[in-house]
PDB file of all heavy atoms in Angstrom:
ATOM      1  N   ALA A   1       1.592  -5.712   7.112  1.00  0.00           N
ATOM      2  CA  ALA A   1       0.929  -6.487   6.067  1.00  0.00           C
ATOM      3  C   ALA A   1      -0.371  -5.780   5.692  1.00  0.00           C
ATOM      4  O   ALA A   1      -1.185  -5.453   6.560  1.00  0.00           O
ATOM      5  CB  ALA A   1       0.640  -7.902   6.547  1.00  0.00           C
ATOM      6  N   LEU A   2      -0.531  -5.515   4.409  1.00  0.00           N
ATOM      7  CA  LEU A   2      -1.763  -4.944   3.854  1.00  0.00           C
ATOM      8  C   LEU A   2      -2.003  -5.626   2.516  1.00  0.00           C
ATOM      9  O   LEU A   2      -1.052  -5.855   1.765  1.00  0.00           O
ATOM     10  CB  LEU A   2      -1.629  -3.435   3.627  1.00  0.00           C
ATOM     11  CG  LEU A   2      -1.538  -2.533   4.844  1.00  0.00           C
ATOM     12  CD1 LEU A   2      -1.184  -1.115   4.430  1.00  0.00           C
ATOM     13  CD2 LEU A   2      -2.844  -2.556   5.610  1.00  0.00           C
ATOM     14  N   SER A   3      -3.217  -5.931   2.202  1.00  0.00           N
ATOM     15  CA  SER A   3      -3.528  -6.623   0.956  1.00  0.00           C
ATOM     16  C   SER A   3      -4.361  -5.736   0.046  1.00  0.00           C
ATOM     17  O   SER A   3      -5.398  -5.208   0.463  1.00  0.00           O
ATOM     18  CB  SER A   3      -4.298  -7.913   1.259  1.00  0.00           C
ATOM     19  OG  SER A   3      -4.809  -8.477   0.069  1.00  0.00           O
ATOM     20  N   ALA A   4      -3.912  -5.599  -1.190  1.00  0.00           N
ATOM     21  CA  ALA A   4      -4.654  -4.806  -2.168  1.00  0.00           C
ATOM     22  C   ALA A   4      -6.023  -5.415  -2.444  1.00  0.00           C
ATOM     23  O   ALA A   4      -6.962  -4.698  -2.792  1.00  0.00           O
ATOM     24  CB  ALA A   4      -3.866  -4.696  -3.467  1.00  0.00           C
ATOM     25  N   HIS A   5      -6.149  -6.724  -2.255  1.00  0.00           N
ATOM     26  CA  HIS A   5      -7.402  -7.402  -2.559  1.00  0.00           C
ATOM     27  C   HIS A   5      -8.266  -7.665  -1.333  1.00  0.00           C
ATOM     28  O   HIS A   5      -9.492  -7.641  -1.416  1.00  0.00           O
ATOM     29  CB  HIS A   5      -7.118  -8.729  -3.280  1.00  0.00           C
ATOM     30  CG  HIS A   5      -6.385  -8.532  -4.550  1.00  0.00           C
ATOM     31  ND1 HIS A   5      -5.040  -8.826  -4.696  1.00  0.00           N
ATOM     32  CD2 HIS A   5      -6.772  -8.019  -5.749  1.00  0.00           C
ATOM     33  CE1 HIS A   5      -4.656  -8.520  -5.919  1.00  0.00           C
ATOM     34  NE2 HIS A   5      -5.685  -8.034  -6.575  1.00  0.00           N
ATOM     35  N   ARG A   6      -7.643  -7.903  -0.180  1.00  0.00           N
ATOM     36  CA  ARG A   6      -8.418  -8.243   1.023  1.00  0.00           C
ATOM     37  C   ARG A   6      -8.657  -7.040   1.930  1.00  0.00           C
ATOM     38  O   ARG A   6      -9.608  -7.024   2.718  1.00  0.00           O
ATOM     39  CB  ARG A   6      -7.729  -9.354   1.792  1.00  0.00           C
ATOM     40  CG  ARG A   6      -7.855 -10.700   1.063  1.00  0.00           C
ATOM     41  CD  ARG A   6      -6.978 -11.726   1.702  1.00  0.00           C
ATOM     42  NE  ARG A   6      -5.625 -11.455   1.217  1.00  0.00           N
ATOM     43  CZ  ARG A   6      -4.672 -12.357   1.125  1.00  0.00           C
ATOM     44  NH1 ARG A   6      -4.873 -13.580   1.530  1.00  0.00           N
ATOM     45  NH2 ARG A   6      -3.488 -12.046   0.642  1.00  0.00           N
ATOM     46  N   THR A   7      -7.769  -6.023   1.865  1.00  0.00           N
ATOM     47  CA  THR A   7      -7.950  -4.812   2.680  1.00  0.00           C
ATOM     48  C   THR A   7      -7.739  -3.564   1.808  1.00  0.00           C
ATOM     49  O   THR A   7      -6.905  -2.715   2.103  1.00  0.00           O
ATOM     50  CB  THR A   7      -6.959  -4.785   3.874  1.00  0.00           C
ATOM     51  OG1 THR A   7      -5.614  -4.832   3.367  1.00  0.00           O
ATOM     52  CG2 THR A   7      -7.198  -5.938   4.827  1.00  0.00           C
ATOM     53  N   PRO A   8      -8.502  -3.440   0.722  1.00  0.00           N
ATOM     54  CA  PRO A   8      -8.249  -2.332  -0.215  1.00  0.00           C
ATOM     55  C   PRO A   8      -8.422  -0.943   0.395  1.00  0.00           C
ATOM     56  O   PRO A   8      -7.649  -0.033   0.087  1.00  0.00           O
ATOM     57  CB  PRO A   8      -9.248  -2.575  -1.348  1.00  0.00           C
ATOM     58  CG  PRO A   8     -10.305  -3.446  -0.757  1.00  0.00           C
ATOM     59  CD  PRO A   8      -9.627  -4.274   0.293  1.00  0.00           C
ATOM     60  N   SER A   9      -9.408  -0.751   1.265  1.00  0.00           N
ATOM     61  CA  SER A   9      -9.598   0.586   1.844  1.00  0.00           C
ATOM     62  C   SER A   9      -8.451   0.938   2.793  1.00  0.00           C
ATOM     63  O   SER A   9      -8.021   2.100   2.846  1.00  0.00           O
ATOM     64  CB  SER A   9     -10.952   0.700   2.552  1.00  0.00           C
ATOM     65  OG  SER A   9     -11.053  -0.254   3.580  1.00  0.00           O
ATOM     66  N   GLU A  10      -7.907  -0.059   3.507  1.00  0.00           N
ATOM     67  CA  GLU A  10      -6.763   0.188   4.388  1.00  0.00           C
ATOM     68  C   GLU A  10      -5.506   0.524   3.586  1.00  0.00           C
ATOM     69  O   GLU A  10      -4.712   1.370   3.995  1.00  0.00           O
ATOM     70  CB  GLU A  10      -6.513  -1.016   5.302  1.00  0.00           C
ATOM     71  CG  GLU A  10      -7.541  -1.206   6.392  1.00  0.00           C
ATOM     72  CD  GLU A  10      -8.780  -1.980   5.952  1.00  0.00           C
ATOM     73  OE1 GLU A  10      -8.972  -2.205   4.727  1.00  0.00           O
ATOM     74  OE2 GLU A  10      -9.571  -2.357   6.835  1.00  0.00           O
ATOM     75  N   VAL A  11      -5.341  -0.114   2.436  1.00  0.00           N
ATOM     76  CA  VAL A  11      -4.197   0.186   1.566  1.00  0.00           C
ATOM     77  C   VAL A  11      -4.303   1.620   1.066  1.00  0.00           C
ATOM     78  O   VAL A  11      -3.328   2.380   1.101  1.00  0.00           O
ATOM     79  CB  VAL A  11      -4.106  -0.804   0.380  1.00  0.00           C
ATOM     80  CG1 VAL A  11      -3.058  -0.345  -0.628  1.00  0.00           C
ATOM     81  CG2 VAL A  11      -3.796  -2.202   0.878  1.00  0.00           C
ATOM     82  N   GLU A  12      -5.474   2.003   0.607  1.00  0.00           N
ATOM     83  CA  GLU A  12      -5.671   3.367   0.118  1.00  0.00           C
ATOM     84  C   GLU A  12      -5.420   4.382   1.227  1.00  0.00           C
ATOM     85  O   GLU A  12      -4.727   5.385   1.012  1.00  0.00           O
ATOM     86  CB  GLU A  12      -7.078   3.536  -0.451  1.00  0.00           C
ATOM     87  CG  GLU A  12      -7.310   4.913  -1.034  1.00  0.00           C
ATOM     88  CD  GLU A  12      -8.689   5.076  -1.651  1.00  0.00           C
ATOM     89  OE1 GLU A  12      -9.440   4.084  -1.748  1.00  0.00           O
ATOM     90  OE2 GLU A  12      -9.009   6.216  -2.032  1.00  0.00           O
ATOM     91  N   GLU A  13      -5.963   4.139   2.411  1.00  0.00           N
ATOM     92  CA  GLU A  13      -5.769   5.049   3.547  1.00  0.00           C
ATOM     93  C   GLU A  13      -4.277   5.165   3.886  1.00  0.00           C
ATOM     94  O   GLU A  13      -3.768   6.265   4.118  1.00  0.00           O
ATOM     95  CB  GLU A  13      -6.551   4.547   4.749  1.00  0.00           C
ATOM     96  CG  GLU A  13      -6.431   5.439   5.970  1.00  0.00           C
ATOM     97  CD  GLU A  13      -7.202   4.894   7.169  1.00  0.00           C
ATOM     98  OE1 GLU A  13      -7.962   3.918   7.026  1.00  0.00           O
ATOM     99  OE2 GLU A  13      -7.007   5.458   8.264  1.00  0.00           O
ATOM    100  N   PHE A  14      -3.592   4.024   3.941  1.00  0.00           N
ATOM    101  CA  PHE A  14      -2.143   4.034   4.214  1.00  0.00           C
ATOM    102  C   PHE A  14      -1.414   4.914   3.197  1.00  0.00           C
ATOM    103  O   PHE A  14      -0.619   5.779   3.565  1.00  0.00           O
ATOM    104  CB  PHE A  14      -1.571   2.609   4.168  1.00  0.00           C
ATOM    105  CG  PHE A  14      -0.082   2.588   3.988  1.00  0.00           C
ATOM    106  CD1 PHE A  14       0.769   2.825   5.058  1.00  0.00           C
ATOM    107  CD2 PHE A  14       0.476   2.379   2.730  1.00  0.00           C
ATOM    108  CE1 PHE A  14       2.141   2.851   4.878  1.00  0.00           C
ATOM    109  CE2 PHE A  14       1.844   2.399   2.547  1.00  0.00           C
ATOM    110  CZ  PHE A  14       2.681   2.641   3.622  1.00  0.00           C
ATOM    111  N   ALA A  15      -1.675   4.694   1.913  1.00  0.00           N
ATOM    112  CA  ALA A  15      -0.956   5.413   0.860  1.00  0.00           C
ATOM    113  C   ALA A  15      -1.247   6.910   0.885  1.00  0.00           C
ATOM    114  O   ALA A  15      -0.342   7.734   0.752  1.00  0.00           O
ATOM    115  CB  ALA A  15      -1.314   4.828  -0.507  1.00  0.00           C
ATOM    116  N   VAL A  16      -2.501   7.265   1.081  1.00  0.00           N
ATOM    117  CA  VAL A  16      -2.898   8.679   1.115  1.00  0.00           C
ATOM    118  C   VAL A  16      -2.232   9.407   2.280  1.00  0.00           C
ATOM    119  O   VAL A  16      -1.820  10.557   2.155  1.00  0.00           O
ATOM    120  CB  VAL A  16      -4.437   8.803   1.172  1.00  0.00           C
ATOM    121  CG1 VAL A  16      -4.872  10.220   1.512  1.00  0.00           C
ATOM    122  CG2 VAL A  16      -5.053   8.352  -0.146  1.00  0.00           C
ATOM    123  N   GLN A  17      -2.079   8.735   3.413  1.00  0.00           N
ATOM    124  CA  GLN A  17      -1.535   9.366   4.611  1.00  0.00           C
ATOM    125  C   GLN A  17      -0.020   9.228   4.754  1.00  0.00           C
ATOM    126  O   GLN A  17       0.578   9.845   5.642  1.00  0.00           O
ATOM    127  CB  GLN A  17      -2.208   8.772   5.851  1.00  0.00           C
ATOM    128  CG  GLN A  17      -3.678   9.077   5.926  1.00  0.00           C
ATOM    129  CD  GLN A  17      -4.360   8.420   7.115  1.00  0.00           C
ATOM    130  OE1 GLN A  17      -3.748   7.714   7.893  1.00  0.00           O
ATOM    131  NE2 GLN A  17      -5.653   8.663   7.244  1.00  0.00           N
ATOM    132  N   ALA A  18       0.629   8.447   3.906  1.00  0.00           N
ATOM    133  CA  ALA A  18       2.053   8.114   4.068  1.00  0.00           C
ATOM    134  C   ALA A  18       2.958   9.351   4.127  1.00  0.00           C
ATOM    135  O   ALA A  18       3.768   9.486   5.050  1.00  0.00           O
ATOM    136  CB  ALA A  18       2.503   7.166   2.958  1.00  0.00           C
ATOM    137  N   ALA A  19       2.848  10.230   3.170  1.00  0.00           N
ATOM    138  CA  ALA A  19       3.724  11.414   3.146  1.00  0.00           C
ATOM    139  C   ALA A  19       3.479  12.296   4.373  1.00  0.00           C
ATOM    140  O   ALA A  19       4.433  12.801   4.979  1.00  0.00           O
ATOM    141  CB  ALA A  19       3.517  12.206   1.859  1.00  0.00           C
ATOM    142  N   GLY A  20       2.239  12.469   4.760  1.00  0.00           N
ATOM    143  CA  GLY A  20       1.904  13.278   5.917  1.00  0.00           C
ATOM    144  C   GLY A  20       2.433  12.711   7.222  1.00  0.00           C
ATOM    145  O   GLY A  20       2.610  13.442   8.191  1.00  0.00           O
ATOM    146  N   ARG A  21       2.701  11.413   7.246  1.00  0.00           N
ATOM    147  CA  ARG A  21       3.269  10.781   8.439  1.00  0.00           C
ATOM    148  C   ARG A  21       4.793  10.841   8.443  1.00  0.00           C
ATOM    149  O   ARG A  21       5.430  10.354   9.363  1.00  0.00           O
ATOM    150  CB  ARG A  21       2.829   9.313   8.533  1.00  0.00           C
ATOM    151  CG  ARG A  21       1.363   9.153   8.800  1.00  0.00           C
ATOM    152  CD  ARG A  21       0.958   7.734   9.195  1.00  0.00           C
ATOM    153  NE  ARG A  21       1.402   6.683   8.296  1.00  0.00           N
ATOM    154  CZ  ARG A  21       2.339   5.768   8.597  1.00  0.00           C
ATOM    155  NH1 ARG A  21       2.950   5.772   9.764  1.00  0.00           N
ATOM    156  NH2 ARG A  21       2.661   4.834   7.725  1.00  0.00           N
ATOM    157  N   GLY A  22       5.388  11.454   7.412  1.00  0.00           N
ATOM    158  CA  GLY A  22       6.841  11.606   7.380  1.00  0.00           C
ATOM    159  C   GLY A  22       7.581  10.522   6.616  1.00  0.00           C
ATOM    160  O   GLY A  22       8.810  10.530   6.574  1.00  0.00           O
ATOM    161  N   LEU A  23       6.855   9.589   6.022  1.00  0.00           N
ATOM    162  CA  LEU A  23       7.535   8.570   5.212  1.00  0.00           C
ATOM    163  C   LEU A  23       8.144   9.213   3.974  1.00  0.00           C
ATOM    164  O   LEU A  23       7.627  10.198   3.459  1.00  0.00           O
ATOM    165  CB  LEU A  23       6.545   7.469   4.807  1.00  0.00           C
ATOM    166  CG  LEU A  23       6.005   6.618   5.951  1.00  0.00           C
ATOM    167  CD1 LEU A  23       4.903   5.680   5.449  1.00  0.00           C
ATOM    168  CD2 LEU A  23       7.122   5.812   6.606  1.00  0.00           C
ATOM    169  N   LYS A  24       9.250   8.648   3.518  1.00  0.00           N
ATOM    170  CA  LYS A  24       9.948   9.166   2.335  1.00  0.00           C
ATOM    171  C   LYS A  24       9.951   8.169   1.183  1.00  0.00           C
ATOM    172  O   LYS A  24      10.016   8.558   0.018  1.00  0.00           O
ATOM    173  CB  LYS A  24      11.404   9.529   2.679  1.00  0.00           C
ATOM    174  CG  LYS A  24      11.555  10.528   3.810  1.00  0.00           C
ATOM    175  CD  LYS A  24      11.022  11.875   3.428  1.00  0.00           C
ATOM    176  CE  LYS A  24      11.210  12.869   4.557  1.00  0.00           C
ATOM    177  NZ  LYS A  24      10.291  13.979   4.461  1.00  0.00           N
ATOM    178  N   VAL A  25       9.937   6.868   1.495  1.00  0.00           N
ATOM    179  CA  VAL A  25       9.982   5.803   0.491  1.00  0.00           C
ATOM    180  C   VAL A  25       9.137   4.637   1.004  1.00  0.00           C
ATOM    181  O   VAL A  25       9.125   4.351   2.205  1.00  0.00           O
ATOM    182  CB  VAL A  25      11.426   5.294   0.237  1.00  0.00           C
ATOM    183  CG1 VAL A  25      11.453   4.253  -0.869  1.00  0.00           C
ATOM    184  CG2 VAL A  25      12.379   6.435  -0.088  1.00  0.00           C
ATOM    185  N   ILE A  26       8.465   3.957   0.072  1.00  0.00           N
ATOM    186  CA  ILE A  26       7.671   2.783   0.417  1.00  0.00           C
ATOM    187  C   ILE A  26       8.192   1.598  -0.394  1.00  0.00           C
ATOM    188  O   ILE A  26       8.380   1.699  -1.614  1.00  0.00           O
ATOM    189  CB  ILE A  26       6.178   3.009   0.109  1.00  0.00           C
ATOM    190  CG1 ILE A  26       5.643   4.178   0.941  1.00  0.00           C
ATOM    191  CG2 ILE A  26       5.371   1.727   0.360  1.00  0.00           C
ATOM    192  CD1 ILE A  26       4.275   4.678   0.508  1.00  0.00           C
ATOM    193  N   ILE A  27       8.410   0.493   0.293  1.00  0.00           N
ATOM    194  CA  ILE A  27       8.754  -0.771  -0.366  1.00  0.00           C
ATOM    195  C   ILE A  27       7.545  -1.677  -0.211  1.00  0.00           C
ATOM    196  O   ILE A  27       7.076  -1.902   0.913  1.00  0.00           O
ATOM    197  CB  ILE A  27       9.994  -1.421   0.277  1.00  0.00           C
ATOM    198  CG1 ILE A  27      11.223  -0.524   0.074  1.00  0.00           C
ATOM    199  CG2 ILE A  27      10.232  -2.814  -0.306  1.00  0.00           C
ATOM    200  CD1 ILE A  27      12.459  -1.025   0.795  1.00  0.00           C
ATOM    201  N   ALA A  28       7.032  -2.180  -1.325  1.00  0.00           N
ATOM    202  CA  ALA A  28       5.846  -3.025  -1.288  1.00  0.00           C
ATOM    203  C   ALA A  28       6.139  -4.349  -1.978  1.00  0.00           C
ATOM    204  O   ALA A  28       6.476  -4.379  -3.154  1.00  0.00           O
ATOM    205  CB  ALA A  28       4.671  -2.323  -1.960  1.00  0.00           C
ATOM    206  N   GLY A  29       6.000  -5.423  -1.218  1.00  0.00           N
ATOM    207  CA  GLY A  29       6.231  -6.752  -1.765  1.00  0.00           C
ATOM    208  C   GLY A  29       4.931  -7.499  -1.922  1.00  0.00           C
ATOM    209  O   GLY A  29       4.060  -7.443  -1.048  1.00  0.00           O
ATOM    210  N   ALA A  30       4.797  -8.194  -3.054  1.00  0.00           N
ATOM    211  CA  ALA A  30       3.577  -8.963  -3.292  1.00  0.00           C
ATOM    212  C   ALA A  30       3.857 -10.055  -4.309  1.00  0.00           C
ATOM    213  O   ALA A  30       4.733  -9.922  -5.168  1.00  0.00           O
ATOM    214  CB  ALA A  30       2.462  -8.049  -3.797  1.00  0.00           C
ATOM    215  N   GLY A  31       3.092 -11.124  -4.213  1.00  0.00           N
ATOM    216  CA  GLY A  31       3.213 -12.225  -5.159  1.00  0.00           C
ATOM    217  C   GLY A  31       1.979 -12.345  -6.025  1.00  0.00           C
ATOM    218  O   GLY A  31       0.999 -11.616  -5.864  1.00  0.00           O
ATOM    219  N   MET A  32       2.040 -13.247  -6.951  1.00  0.00           N
ATOM    220  CA  MET A  32       0.969 -13.566  -7.896  1.00  0.00           C
ATOM    221  C   MET A  32       0.456 -12.312  -8.615  1.00  0.00           C
ATOM    222  O   MET A  32       1.201 -11.711  -9.369  1.00  0.00           O
ATOM    223  CB  MET A  32      -0.131 -14.362  -7.212  1.00  0.00           C
ATOM    224  CG  MET A  32       0.401 -15.669  -6.643  1.00  0.00           C
ATOM    225  SD  MET A  32      -0.791 -16.861  -6.063  1.00  0.00           S
ATOM    226  CE  MET A  32      -1.707 -16.008  -4.839  1.00  0.00           C
ATOM    227  N   ALA A  33      -0.780 -11.881  -8.380  1.00  0.00           N
ATOM    228  CA  ALA A  33      -1.325 -10.720  -9.090  1.00  0.00           C
ATOM    229  C   ALA A  33      -0.570  -9.438  -8.752  1.00  0.00           C
ATOM    230  O   ALA A  33      -0.498  -8.526  -9.565  1.00  0.00           O
ATOM    231  CB  ALA A  33      -2.807 -10.543  -8.774  1.00  0.00           C
ATOM    232  N   ALA A  34       0.014  -9.381  -7.574  1.00  0.00           N
ATOM    233  CA  ALA A  34       0.931  -8.320  -7.154  1.00  0.00           C
ATOM    234  C   ALA A  34       0.423  -6.911  -7.406  1.00  0.00           C
ATOM    235  O   ALA A  34       1.143  -6.050  -7.876  1.00  0.00           O
ATOM    236  CB  ALA A  34       2.300  -8.533  -7.800  1.00  0.00           C
ATOM    237  N   ALA A  35      -0.811  -6.651  -7.033  1.00  0.00           N
ATOM    238  CA  ALA A  35      -1.394  -5.328  -7.230  1.00  0.00           C
ATOM    239  C   ALA A  35      -0.956  -4.316  -6.189  1.00  0.00           C
ATOM    240  O   ALA A  35      -1.059  -3.106  -6.406  1.00  0.00           O
ATOM    241  CB  ALA A  35      -2.916  -5.440  -7.235  1.00  0.00           C
ATOM    242  N   LEU A  36      -0.448  -4.771  -5.049  1.00  0.00           N
ATOM    243  CA  LEU A  36      -0.167  -3.889  -3.917  1.00  0.00           C
ATOM    244  C   LEU A  36       0.730  -2.694  -4.262  1.00  0.00           C
ATOM    245  O   LEU A  36       0.365  -1.557  -3.966  1.00  0.00           O
ATOM    246  CB  LEU A  36       0.421  -4.699  -2.757  1.00  0.00           C
ATOM    247  CG  LEU A  36       0.721  -3.940  -1.470  1.00  0.00           C
ATOM    248  CD1 LEU A  36      -0.554  -3.330  -0.889  1.00  0.00           C
ATOM    249  CD2 LEU A  36       1.385  -4.860  -0.462  1.00  0.00           C
ATOM    250  N   PRO A  37       1.904  -2.897  -4.889  1.00  0.00           N
ATOM    251  CA  PRO A  37       2.749  -1.728  -5.182  1.00  0.00           C
ATOM    252  C   PRO A  37       2.051  -0.699  -6.068  1.00  0.00           C
ATOM    253  O   PRO A  37       2.153   0.512  -5.822  1.00  0.00           O
ATOM    254  CB  PRO A  37       3.964  -2.334  -5.881  1.00  0.00           C
ATOM    255  CG  PRO A  37       3.991  -3.757  -5.439  1.00  0.00           C
ATOM    256  CD  PRO A  37       2.558  -4.154  -5.263  1.00  0.00           C
ATOM    257  N   GLY A  38       1.319  -1.154  -7.055  1.00  0.00           N
ATOM    258  CA  GLY A  38       0.631  -0.234  -7.962  1.00  0.00           C
ATOM    259  C   GLY A  38      -0.497   0.521  -7.296  1.00  0.00           C
ATOM    260  O   GLY A  38      -0.692   1.714  -7.544  1.00  0.00           O
ATOM    261  N   VAL A  39      -1.258  -0.144  -6.447  1.00  0.00           N
ATOM    262  CA  VAL A  39      -2.344   0.523  -5.731  1.00  0.00           C
ATOM    263  C   VAL A  39      -1.768   1.585  -4.804  1.00  0.00           C
ATOM    264  O   VAL A  39      -2.301   2.693  -4.708  1.00  0.00           O
ATOM    265  CB  VAL A  39      -3.210  -0.501  -4.962  1.00  0.00           C
ATOM    266  CG1 VAL A  39      -4.197   0.199  -4.043  1.00  0.00           C
ATOM    267  CG2 VAL A  39      -3.940  -1.417  -5.934  1.00  0.00           C
ATOM    268  N   ILE A  40      -0.676   1.262  -4.138  1.00  0.00           N
ATOM    269  CA  ILE A  40      -0.031   2.263  -3.274  1.00  0.00           C
ATOM    270  C   ILE A  40       0.457   3.440  -4.114  1.00  0.00           C
ATOM    271  O   ILE A  40       0.204   4.599  -3.789  1.00  0.00           O
ATOM    272  CB  ILE A  40       1.113   1.631  -2.461  1.00  0.00           C
ATOM    273  CG1 ILE A  40       0.545   0.648  -1.430  1.00  0.00           C
ATOM    274  CG2 ILE A  40       1.952   2.715  -1.772  1.00  0.00           C
ATOM    275  CD1 ILE A  40       1.599  -0.188  -0.719  1.00  0.00           C
TER     276      ILE A  40
END
């Protein structure tokens, strides 16, 4: 769980480091304003 609005720096850090950690695809679920997928 990461929130684009409540933990924005953690979301950015996660996204920046994702490829380097070997991830290939990210699925991001969010409701209402739903900024999480776009920020990632």
